[in-house]
Amino acid sequence: TCVAAPVPDEMPAFRLPFDARTEVICTHGPGVGSHGWMNAFFA
């Protein structure tokens, strides 16, 4: 189904949930696979 979502600049400001000494790799982006679900779409 089509779900409305706010534009990101209307959201609180977040930062990467790791510190500057830690490098992490993105292995799964928004909207694909199990991130297609309504509660995980932008995960």
ModelCIF file with pLDDT and N, C-alpha, C, O atoms, coordinates in Angstrom:
data_MODEL
#
_entry.id   MODEL 
#
_entity.id                         1 
_entity.type                       polymer 
_entity.pdbx_number_of_molecules   1 
#
_entity_poly.entity_id                      1 
_entity_poly.type                           'polypeptide(L)' 
_entity_poly.nstd_linkage                   no 
_entity_poly.nstd_monomer                   no 
_entity_poly.pdbx_seq_one_letter_code       TCVAAPVPDEMPAFRLPFDARTEVICTHGPGVGSHGWMNAFFA 
_entity_poly.pdbx_seq_one_letter_code_can   TCVAAPVPDEMPAFRLPFDARTEVICTHGPGVGSHGWMNAFFA 
_entity_poly.pdbx_strand_id                 A 
#
loop_
_entity_poly_seq.entity_id 
_entity_poly_seq.num 
_entity_poly_seq.mon_id 
_entity_poly_seq.hetero 
1 1  THR n 
1 2  CYS n 
1 3  VAL n 
1 4  ALA n 
1 5  ALA n 
1 6  PRO n 
1 7  VAL n 
1 8  PRO n 
1 9  ASP n 
1 10 GLU n 
1 11 MET n 
1 12 PRO n 
1 13 ALA n 
1 14 PHE n 
1 15 ARG n 
1 16 LEU n 
1 17 PRO n 
1 18 PHE n 
1 19 ASP n 
1 20 ALA n 
1 21 ARG n 
1 22 THR n 
1 23 GLU n 
1 24 VAL n 
1 25 ILE n 
1 26 CYS n 
1 27 THR n 
1 28 HIS n 
1 29 GLY n 
1 30 PRO n 
1 31 GLY n 
1 32 VAL n 
1 33 GLY n 
1 34 SER n 
1 35 HIS n 
1 36 GLY n 
1 37 TRP n 
1 38 MET n 
1 39 ASN n 
1 40 ALA n 
1 41 PHE n 
1 42 PHE n 
1 43 ALA n 
#
_struct_asym.id          A 
_struct_asym.entity_id   1 
#
loop_
_ma_qa_metric.id 
_ma_qa_metric.mode 
_ma_qa_metric.name 
_ma_qa_metric.software_group_id 
_ma_qa_metric.type 
1 global pLDDT . pLDDT 
2 local  pLDDT . pLDDT 
#
_ma_qa_metric_global.metric_id      1 
_ma_qa_metric_global.metric_value   92.40 
_ma_qa_metric_global.model_id       1 
_ma_qa_metric_global.ordinal_id     1 
#
loop_
_ma_qa_metric_local.label_asym_id 
_ma_qa_metric_local.label_comp_id 
_ma_qa_metric_local.label_seq_id 
_ma_qa_metric_local.metric_id 
_ma_qa_metric_local.metric_value 
_ma_qa_metric_local.model_id 
_ma_qa_metric_local.ordinal_id 
A THR 1  2 94.00 1 1  
A CYS 2  2 95.00 1 2  
A VAL 3  2 93.00 1 3  
A ALA 4  2 92.00 1 4  
A ALA 5  2 90.00 1 5  
A PRO 6  2 89.00 1 6  
A VAL 7  2 86.00 1 7  
A PRO 8  2 81.00 1 8  
A ASP 9  2 81.00 1 9  
A GLU 10 2 82.00 1 10 
A MET 11 2 80.00 1 11 
A PRO 12 2 80.00 1 12 
A ALA 13 2 83.00 1 13 
A PHE 14 2 96.00 1 14 
A ARG 15 2 97.00 1 15 
A LEU 16 2 98.00 1 16 
A PRO 17 2 98.00 1 17 
A PHE 18 2 98.00 1 18 
A ASP 19 2 97.00 1 19 
A ALA 20 2 95.00 1 20 
A ARG 21 2 95.00 1 21 
A THR 22 2 96.00 1 22 
A GLU 23 2 95.00 1 23 
A VAL 24 2 96.00 1 24 
A ILE 25 2 95.00 1 25 
A CYS 26 2 96.00 1 26 
A THR 27 2 94.00 1 27 
A HIS 28 2 94.00 1 28 
A GLY 29 2 93.00 1 29 
A PRO 30 2 94.00 1 30 
A GLY 31 2 93.00 1 31 
A VAL 32 2 90.00 1 32 
A GLY 33 2 89.00 1 33 
A SER 34 2 91.00 1 34 
A HIS 35 2 94.00 1 35 
A GLY 36 2 94.00 1 36 
A TRP 37 2 95.00 1 37 
A MET 38 2 95.00 1 38 
A ASN 39 2 94.00 1 39 
A ALA 40 2 96.00 1 40 
A PHE 41 2 96.00 1 41 
A PHE 42 2 96.00 1 42 
A ALA 43 2 97.00 1 43 
#
loop_
_atom_site.group_PDB 
_atom_site.id 
_atom_site.type_symbol 
_atom_site.label_atom_id 
_atom_site.label_alt_id 
_atom_site.label_comp_id 
_atom_site.label_asym_id 
_atom_site.label_entity_id 
_atom_site.label_seq_id 
_atom_site.pdbx_PDB_ins_code 
_atom_site.Cartn_x 
_atom_site.Cartn_y 
_atom_site.Cartn_z 
_atom_site.occupancy 
_atom_site.B_iso_or_equiv 
_atom_site.pdbx_formal_charge 
_atom_site.auth_seq_id 
_atom_site.auth_comp_id 
_atom_site.auth_asym_id 
_atom_site.auth_atom_id 
_atom_site.pdbx_PDB_model_num 
ATOM 1   N N  . THR A 1 1  ? 0.840  -1.180 0.000  1.00 94.00 ? 1  THR A N  1 
ATOM 2   C CA . THR A 1 1  ? 0.000  0.000  0.000  1.00 94.00 ? 1  THR A CA 1 
ATOM 3   C C  . THR A 1 1  ? 0.882  1.240  0.000  1.00 94.00 ? 1  THR A C  1 
ATOM 4   O O  . THR A 1 1  ? 2.050  1.178  0.387  1.00 94.00 ? 1  THR A O  1 
ATOM 5   N N  . CYS A 1 2  ? 0.329  2.354  -0.430 1.00 95.00 ? 2  CYS A N  1 
ATOM 6   C CA . CYS A 1 2  ? 1.050  3.621  -0.431 1.00 95.00 ? 2  CYS A CA 1 
ATOM 7   C C  . CYS A 1 2  ? 0.895  4.283  0.936  1.00 95.00 ? 2  CYS A C  1 
ATOM 8   O O  . CYS A 1 2  ? -0.216 4.432  1.446  1.00 95.00 ? 2  CYS A O  1 
ATOM 9   N N  . VAL A 1 3  ? 2.020  4.673  1.515  1.00 93.00 ? 3  VAL A N  1 
ATOM 10  C CA . VAL A 1 3  ? 2.030  5.258  2.851  1.00 93.00 ? 3  VAL A CA 1 
ATOM 11  C C  . VAL A 1 3  ? 2.686  6.633  2.767  1.00 93.00 ? 3  VAL A C  1 
ATOM 12  O O  . VAL A 1 3  ? 3.764  6.786  2.193  1.00 93.00 ? 3  VAL A O  1 
ATOM 13  N N  . ALA A 1 4  ? 2.022  7.630  3.348  1.00 92.00 ? 4  ALA A N  1 
ATOM 14  C CA . ALA A 1 4  ? 2.583  8.972  3.374  1.00 92.00 ? 4  ALA A CA 1 
ATOM 15  C C  . ALA A 1 4  ? 3.679  9.052  4.426  1.00 92.00 ? 4  ALA A C  1 
ATOM 16  O O  . ALA A 1 4  ? 3.574  8.438  5.487  1.00 92.00 ? 4  ALA A O  1 
ATOM 17  N N  . ALA A 1 5  ? 4.727  9.805  4.132  1.00 90.00 ? 5  ALA A N  1 
ATOM 18  C CA . ALA A 1 5  ? 5.825  9.989  5.085  1.00 90.00 ? 5  ALA A CA 1 
ATOM 19  C C  . ALA A 1 5  ? 6.262  11.446 5.060  1.00 90.00 ? 5  ALA A C  1 
ATOM 20  O O  . ALA A 1 5  ? 6.237  12.081 4.006  1.00 90.00 ? 5  ALA A O  1 
ATOM 21  N N  . PRO A 1 6  ? 6.663  11.984 6.211  1.00 89.00 ? 6  PRO A N  1 
ATOM 22  C CA . PRO A 1 6  ? 7.128  13.376 6.236  1.00 89.00 ? 6  PRO A CA 1 
ATOM 23  C C  . PRO A 1 6  ? 8.462  13.502 5.517  1.00 89.00 ? 6  PRO A C  1 
ATOM 24  O O  . PRO A 1 6  ? 9.168  12.511 5.328  1.00 89.00 ? 6  PRO A O  1 
ATOM 25  N N  . VAL A 1 7  ? 8.802  14.709 5.121  1.00 86.00 ? 7  VAL A N  1 
ATOM 26  C CA . VAL A 1 7  ? 10.122 14.922 4.538  1.00 86.00 ? 7  VAL A CA 1 
ATOM 27  C C  . VAL A 1 7  ? 11.138 14.894 5.668  1.00 86.00 ? 7  VAL A C  1 
ATOM 28  O O  . VAL A 1 7  ? 10.813 15.282 6.789  1.00 86.00 ? 7  VAL A O  1 
ATOM 29  N N  . PRO A 1 8  ? 12.377 14.439 5.400  1.00 81.00 ? 8  PRO A N  1 
ATOM 30  C CA . PRO A 1 8  ? 13.341 14.249 6.484  1.00 81.00 ? 8  PRO A CA 1 
ATOM 31  C C  . PRO A 1 8  ? 13.650 15.492 7.297  1.00 81.00 ? 8  PRO A C  1 
ATOM 32  O O  . PRO A 1 8  ? 13.922 15.378 8.492  1.00 81.00 ? 8  PRO A O  1 
ATOM 33  N N  . ASP A 1 9  ? 13.619 16.699 6.685  1.00 81.00 ? 9  ASP A N  1 
ATOM 34  C CA . ASP A 1 9  ? 13.983 17.878 7.460  1.00 81.00 ? 9  ASP A CA 1 
ATOM 35  C C  . ASP A 1 9  ? 12.887 18.287 8.449  1.00 81.00 ? 9  ASP A C  1 
ATOM 36  O O  . ASP A 1 9  ? 13.071 19.240 9.207  1.00 81.00 ? 9  ASP A O  1 
ATOM 37  N N  . GLU A 1 10 ? 11.757 17.587 8.452  1.00 82.00 ? 10 GLU A N  1 
ATOM 38  C CA . GLU A 1 10 ? 10.743 17.803 9.471  1.00 82.00 ? 10 GLU A CA 1 
ATOM 39  C C  . GLU A 1 10 ? 10.967 16.902 10.681 1.00 82.00 ? 10 GLU A C  1 
ATOM 40  O O  . GLU A 1 10 ? 10.249 17.011 11.675 1.00 82.00 ? 10 GLU A O  1 
ATOM 41  N N  . MET A 1 11 ? 11.956 16.013 10.605 1.00 80.00 ? 11 MET A N  1 
ATOM 42  C CA . MET A 1 11 ? 12.222 15.059 11.659 1.00 80.00 ? 11 MET A CA 1 
ATOM 43  C C  . MET A 1 11 ? 13.281 15.600 12.622 1.00 80.00 ? 11 MET A C  1 
ATOM 44  O O  . MET A 1 11 ? 14.010 16.533 12.284 1.00 80.00 ? 11 MET A O  1 
ATOM 45  N N  . PRO A 1 12 ? 13.366 15.009 13.831 1.00 80.00 ? 12 PRO A N  1 
ATOM 46  C CA . PRO A 1 12 ? 14.472 15.384 14.727 1.00 80.00 ? 12 PRO A CA 1 
ATOM 47  C C  . PRO A 1 12 ? 15.823 15.118 14.066 1.00 80.00 ? 12 PRO A C  1 
ATOM 48  O O  . PRO A 1 12 ? 15.922 14.291 13.159 1.00 80.00 ? 12 PRO A O  1 
ATOM 49  N N  . ALA A 1 13 ? 16.847 15.810 14.515 1.00 83.00 ? 13 ALA A N  1 
ATOM 50  C CA . ALA A 1 13 ? 18.192 15.605 13.978 1.00 83.00 ? 13 ALA A CA 1 
ATOM 51  C C  . ALA A 1 13 ? 18.826 14.388 14.647 1.00 83.00 ? 13 ALA A C  1 
ATOM 52  O O  . ALA A 1 13 ? 18.851 14.284 15.873 1.00 83.00 ? 13 ALA A O  1 
ATOM 53  N N  . PHE A 1 14 ? 19.334 13.478 13.834 1.00 96.00 ? 14 PHE A N  1 
ATOM 54  C CA . PHE A 1 14 ? 19.997 12.289 14.340 1.00 96.00 ? 14 PHE A CA 1 
ATOM 55  C C  . PHE A 1 14 ? 21.447 12.279 13.876 1.00 96.00 ? 14 PHE A C  1 
ATOM 56  O O  . PHE A 1 14 ? 21.845 13.033 12.988 1.00 96.00 ? 14 PHE A O  1 
ATOM 57  N N  . ARG A 1 15 ? 22.226 11.399 14.506 1.00 97.00 ? 15 ARG A N  1 
ATOM 58  C CA . ARG A 1 15 ? 23.578 11.185 14.044 1.00 97.00 ? 15 ARG A CA 1 
ATOM 59  C C  . ARG A 1 15 ? 23.853 9.688  14.022 1.00 97.00 ? 15 ARG A C  1 
ATOM 60  O O  . ARG A 1 15 ? 23.139 8.911  14.655 1.00 97.00 ? 15 ARG A O  1 
ATOM 61  N N  . LEU A 1 16 ? 24.880 9.289  13.297 1.00 98.00 ? 16 LEU A N  1 
ATOM 62  C CA . LEU A 1 16 ? 25.206 7.874  13.206 1.00 98.00 ? 16 LEU A CA 1 
ATOM 63  C C  . LEU A 1 16 ? 25.339 7.289  14.617 1.00 98.00 ? 16 LEU A C  1 
ATOM 64  O O  . LEU A 1 16 ? 25.989 7.893  15.470 1.00 98.00 ? 16 LEU A O  1 
ATOM 65  N N  . PRO A 1 17 ? 24.733 6.122  14.875 1.00 98.00 ? 17 PRO A N  1 
ATOM 66  C CA . PRO A 1 17 ? 24.762 5.571  16.232 1.00 98.00 ? 17 PRO A CA 1 
ATOM 67  C C  . PRO A 1 17 ? 26.065 4.851  16.592 1.00 98.00 ? 17 PRO A C  1 
ATOM 68  O O  . PRO A 1 17 ? 26.051 3.827  17.275 1.00 98.00 ? 17 PRO A O  1 
ATOM 69  N N  . PHE A 1 18 ? 27.179 5.394  16.127 1.00 98.00 ? 18 PHE A N  1 
ATOM 70  C CA . PHE A 1 18 ? 28.518 4.913  16.477 1.00 98.00 ? 18 PHE A CA 1 
ATOM 71  C C  . PHE A 1 18 ? 29.417 6.135  16.628 1.00 98.00 ? 18 PHE A C  1 
ATOM 72  O O  . PHE A 1 18 ? 29.075 7.219  16.155 1.00 98.00 ? 18 PHE A O  1 
ATOM 73  N N  . ASP A 1 19 ? 30.569 5.966  17.289 1.00 97.00 ? 19 ASP A N  1 
ATOM 74  C CA . ASP A 1 19 ? 31.442 7.111  17.470 1.00 97.00 ? 19 ASP A CA 1 
ATOM 75  C C  . ASP A 1 19 ? 32.389 7.280  16.281 1.00 97.00 ? 19 ASP A C  1 
ATOM 76  O O  . ASP A 1 19 ? 32.397 6.473  15.351 1.00 97.00 ? 19 ASP A O  1 
ATOM 77  N N  . ALA A 1 20 ? 33.188 8.353  16.337 1.00 95.00 ? 20 ALA A N  1 
ATOM 78  C CA . ALA A 1 20 ? 34.037 8.706  15.208 1.00 95.00 ? 20 ALA A CA 1 
ATOM 79  C C  . ALA A 1 20 ? 35.193 7.734  14.996 1.00 95.00 ? 20 ALA A C  1 
ATOM 80  O O  . ALA A 1 20 ? 35.792 7.713  13.921 1.00 95.00 ? 20 ALA A O  1 
ATOM 81  N N  . ARG A 1 21 ? 35.512 6.938  15.999 1.00 95.00 ? 21 ARG A N  1 
ATOM 82  C CA . ARG A 1 21 ? 36.602 5.967  15.865 1.00 95.00 ? 21 ARG A CA 1 
ATOM 83  C C  . ARG A 1 21 ? 36.146 4.663  15.227 1.00 95.00 ? 21 ARG A C  1 
ATOM 84  O O  . ARG A 1 21 ? 36.970 3.814  14.886 1.00 95.00 ? 21 ARG A O  1 
ATOM 85  N N  . THR A 1 22 ? 34.849 4.503  15.065 1.00 96.00 ? 22 THR A N  1 
ATOM 86  C CA . THR A 1 22 ? 34.286 3.236  14.612 1.00 96.00 ? 22 THR A CA 1 
ATOM 87  C C  . THR A 1 22 ? 33.817 3.338  13.171 1.00 96.00 ? 22 THR A C  1 
ATOM 88  O O  . THR A 1 22 ? 32.978 4.178  12.845 1.00 96.00 ? 22 THR A O  1 
ATOM 89  N N  . GLU A 1 23 ? 34.352 2.490  12.311 1.00 95.00 ? 23 GLU A N  1 
ATOM 90  C CA . GLU A 1 23 ? 33.870 2.422  10.938 1.00 95.00 ? 23 GLU A CA 1 
ATOM 91  C C  . GLU A 1 23 ? 32.900 1.256  10.802 1.00 95.00 ? 23 GLU A C  1 
ATOM 92  O O  . GLU A 1 23 ? 33.189 0.135  11.220 1.00 95.00 ? 23 GLU A O  1 
ATOM 93  N N  . VAL A 1 24 ? 31.755 1.539  10.213 1.00 96.00 ? 24 VAL A N  1 
ATOM 94  C CA . VAL A 1 24 ? 30.767 0.501  9.935  1.00 96.00 ? 24 VAL A CA 1 
ATOM 95  C C  . VAL A 1 24 ? 30.425 0.530  8.453  1.00 96.00 ? 24 VAL A C  1 
ATOM 96  O O  . VAL A 1 24 ? 30.622 1.535  7.771  1.00 96.00 ? 24 VAL A O  1 
ATOM 97  N N  . ILE A 1 25 ? 29.915 -0.580 7.977  1.00 95.00 ? 25 ILE A N  1 
ATOM 98  C CA . ILE A 1 25 ? 29.586 -0.738 6.569  1.00 95.00 ? 25 ILE A CA 1 
ATOM 99  C C  . ILE A 1 25 ? 28.082 -0.925 6.440  1.00 95.00 ? 25 ILE A C  1 
ATOM 100 O O  . ILE A 1 25 ? 27.498 -1.731 7.165  1.00 95.00 ? 25 ILE A O  1 
ATOM 101 N N  . CYS A 1 26 ? 27.450 -0.199 5.538  1.00 96.00 ? 26 CYS A N  1 
ATOM 102 C CA . CYS A 1 26 ? 26.022 -0.383 5.287  1.00 96.00 ? 26 CYS A CA 1 
ATOM 103 C C  . CYS A 1 26 ? 25.837 -1.651 4.468  1.00 96.00 ? 26 CYS A C  1 
ATOM 104 O O  . CYS A 1 26 ? 26.332 -1.745 3.345  1.00 96.00 ? 26 CYS A O  1 
ATOM 105 N N  . THR A 1 27 ? 25.126 -2.628 5.024  1.00 94.00 ? 27 THR A N  1 
ATOM 106 C CA . THR A 1 27 ? 24.906 -3.895 4.329  1.00 94.00 ? 27 THR A CA 1 
ATOM 107 C C  . THR A 1 27 ? 23.488 -4.055 3.804  1.00 94.00 ? 27 THR A C  1 
ATOM 108 O O  . THR A 1 27 ? 23.211 -5.004 3.071  1.00 94.00 ? 27 THR A O  1 
ATOM 109 N N  . HIS A 1 28 ? 22.579 -3.142 4.165  1.00 94.00 ? 28 HIS A N  1 
ATOM 110 C CA . HIS A 1 28 ? 21.173 -3.276 3.743  1.00 94.00 ? 28 HIS A CA 1 
ATOM 111 C C  . HIS A 1 28 ? 20.527 -1.912 3.874  1.00 94.00 ? 28 HIS A C  1 
ATOM 112 O O  . HIS A 1 28 ? 20.403 -1.381 4.978  1.00 94.00 ? 28 HIS A O  1 
ATOM 113 N N  . GLY A 1 29 ? 20.120 -1.347 2.762  1.00 93.00 ? 29 GLY A N  1 
ATOM 114 C CA . GLY A 1 29 ? 19.565 -0.009 2.749  1.00 93.00 ? 29 GLY A CA 1 
ATOM 115 C C  . GLY A 1 29 ? 18.053 0.022  2.777  1.00 93.00 ? 29 GLY A C  1 
ATOM 116 O O  . GLY A 1 29 ? 17.409 -1.015 2.932  1.00 93.00 ? 29 GLY A O  1 
ATOM 117 N N  . PRO A 1 30 ? 17.479 1.214  2.626  1.00 94.00 ? 30 PRO A N  1 
ATOM 118 C CA . PRO A 1 30 ? 16.030 1.383  2.720  1.00 94.00 ? 30 PRO A CA 1 
ATOM 119 C C  . PRO A 1 30 ? 15.264 0.740  1.568  1.00 94.00 ? 30 PRO A C  1 
ATOM 120 O O  . PRO A 1 30 ? 15.734 0.718  0.430  1.00 94.00 ? 30 PRO A O  1 
ATOM 121 N N  . GLY A 1 31 ? 14.078 0.216  1.879  1.00 93.00 ? 31 GLY A N  1 
ATOM 122 C CA . GLY A 1 31 ? 13.086 -0.146 0.878  1.00 93.00 ? 31 GLY A CA 1 
ATOM 123 C C  . GLY A 1 31 ? 13.269 -1.448 0.151  1.00 93.00 ? 31 GLY A C  1 
ATOM 124 O O  . GLY A 1 31 ? 12.488 -1.740 -0.754 1.00 93.00 ? 31 GLY A O  1 
ATOM 125 N N  . VAL A 1 32 ? 14.270 -2.260 0.497  1.00 90.00 ? 32 VAL A N  1 
ATOM 126 C CA . VAL A 1 32 ? 14.495 -3.519 -0.224 1.00 90.00 ? 32 VAL A CA 1 
ATOM 127 C C  . VAL A 1 32 ? 14.491 -4.686 0.750  1.00 90.00 ? 32 VAL A C  1 
ATOM 128 O O  . VAL A 1 32 ? 14.778 -4.522 1.936  1.00 90.00 ? 32 VAL A O  1 
ATOM 129 N N  . GLY A 1 33 ? 14.155 -5.890 0.227  1.00 89.00 ? 33 GLY A N  1 
ATOM 130 C CA . GLY A 1 33 ? 14.151 -7.085 1.053  1.00 89.00 ? 33 GLY A CA 1 
ATOM 131 C C  . GLY A 1 33 ? 13.246 -6.922 2.257  1.00 89.00 ? 33 GLY A C  1 
ATOM 132 O O  . GLY A 1 33 ? 12.118 -6.446 2.134  1.00 89.00 ? 33 GLY A O  1 
ATOM 133 N N  . SER A 1 34 ? 13.740 -7.317 3.424  1.00 91.00 ? 34 SER A N  1 
ATOM 134 C CA . SER A 1 34 ? 12.938 -7.197 4.643  1.00 91.00 ? 34 SER A CA 1 
ATOM 135 C C  . SER A 1 34 ? 12.731 -5.747 5.053  1.00 91.00 ? 34 SER A C  1 
ATOM 136 O O  . SER A 1 34 ? 11.952 -5.473 5.966  1.00 91.00 ? 34 SER A O  1 
ATOM 137 N N  . HIS A 1 35 ? 13.416 -4.806 4.394  1.00 94.00 ? 35 HIS A N  1 
ATOM 138 C CA . HIS A 1 35 ? 13.182 -3.386 4.648  1.00 94.00 ? 35 HIS A CA 1 
ATOM 139 C C  . HIS A 1 35 ? 12.069 -2.826 3.753  1.00 94.00 ? 35 HIS A C  1 
ATOM 140 O O  . HIS A 1 35 ? 11.922 -1.609 3.639  1.00 94.00 ? 35 HIS A O  1 
ATOM 141 N N  . GLY A 1 36 ? 11.301 -3.692 3.132  1.00 94.00 ? 36 GLY A N  1 
ATOM 142 C CA . GLY A 1 36 ? 10.136 -3.242 2.389  1.00 94.00 ? 36 GLY A CA 1 
ATOM 143 C C  . GLY A 1 36 ? 8.908  -3.086 3.265  1.00 94.00 ? 36 GLY A C  1 
ATOM 144 O O  . GLY A 1 36 ? 7.907  -2.518 2.829  1.00 94.00 ? 36 GLY A O  1 
ATOM 145 N N  . TRP A 1 37 ? 8.969  -3.589 4.515  1.00 95.00 ? 37 TRP A N  1 
ATOM 146 C CA . TRP A 1 37 ? 7.813  -3.535 5.395  1.00 95.00 ? 37 TRP A CA 1 
ATOM 147 C C  . TRP A 1 37 ? 7.586  -2.127 5.941  1.00 95.00 ? 37 TRP A C  1 
ATOM 148 O O  . TRP A 1 37 ? 8.517  -1.328 6.046  1.00 95.00 ? 37 TRP A O  1 
ATOM 149 N N  . MET A 1 38 ? 6.343  -1.842 6.283  1.00 95.00 ? 38 MET A N  1 
ATOM 150 C CA . MET A 1 38 ? 5.946  -0.495 6.697  1.00 95.00 ? 38 MET A CA 1 
ATOM 151 C C  . MET A 1 38 ? 6.713  -0.026 7.927  1.00 95.00 ? 38 MET A C  1 
ATOM 152 O O  . MET A 1 38 ? 6.946  1.173  8.081  1.00 95.00 ? 38 MET A O  1 
ATOM 153 N N  . ASN A 1 39 ? 7.116  -0.960 8.820  1.00 94.00 ? 39 ASN A N  1 
ATOM 154 C CA . ASN A 1 39 ? 7.807  -0.540 10.030 1.00 94.00 ? 39 ASN A CA 1 
ATOM 155 C C  . ASN A 1 39 ? 9.322  -0.608 9.897  1.00 94.00 ? 39 ASN A C  1 
ATOM 156 O O  . ASN A 1 39 ? 10.039 -0.421 10.880 1.00 94.00 ? 39 ASN A O  1 
ATOM 157 N N  . ALA A 1 40 ? 9.823  -0.876 8.675  1.00 96.00 ? 40 ALA A N  1 
ATOM 158 C CA . ALA A 1 40 ? 11.276 -0.960 8.474  1.00 96.00 ? 40 ALA A CA 1 
ATOM 159 C C  . ALA A 1 40 ? 11.712 -0.338 7.150  1.00 96.00 ? 40 ALA A C  1 
ATOM 160 O O  . ALA A 1 40 ? 12.862 -0.504 6.744  1.00 96.00 ? 40 ALA A O  1 
ATOM 161 N N  . PHE A 1 41 ? 10.818 0.372  6.476  1.00 96.00 ? 41 PHE A N  1 
ATOM 162 C CA . PHE A 1 41 ? 11.075 0.794  5.097  1.00 96.00 ? 41 PHE A CA 1 
ATOM 163 C C  . PHE A 1 41 ? 12.319 1.670  4.964  1.00 96.00 ? 41 PHE A C  1 
ATOM 164 O O  . PHE A 1 41 ? 13.077 1.525  4.005  1.00 96.00 ? 41 PHE A O  1 
ATOM 165 N N  . PHE A 1 42 ? 12.535 2.571  5.912  1.00 96.00 ? 42 PHE A N  1 
ATOM 166 C CA . PHE A 1 42 ? 13.683 3.489  5.834  1.00 96.00 ? 42 PHE A CA 1 
ATOM 167 C C  . PHE A 1 42 ? 14.848 3.044  6.725  1.00 96.00 ? 42 PHE A C  1 
ATOM 168 O O  . PHE A 1 42 ? 15.765 3.823  6.982  1.00 96.00 ? 42 PHE A O  1 
ATOM 169 N N  . ALA A 1 43 ? 14.812 1.803  7.191  1.00 97.00 ? 43 ALA A N  1 
ATOM 170 C CA . ALA A 1 43 ? 15.860 1.298  8.077  1.00 97.00 ? 43 ALA A CA 1 
ATOM 171 C C  . ALA A 1 43 ? 17.177 1.099  7.333  1.00 97.00 ? 43 ALA A C  1 
ATOM 172 O O  . ALA A 1 43 ? 18.167 0.679  7.932  1.00 97.00 ? 43 ALA A O  1 
#
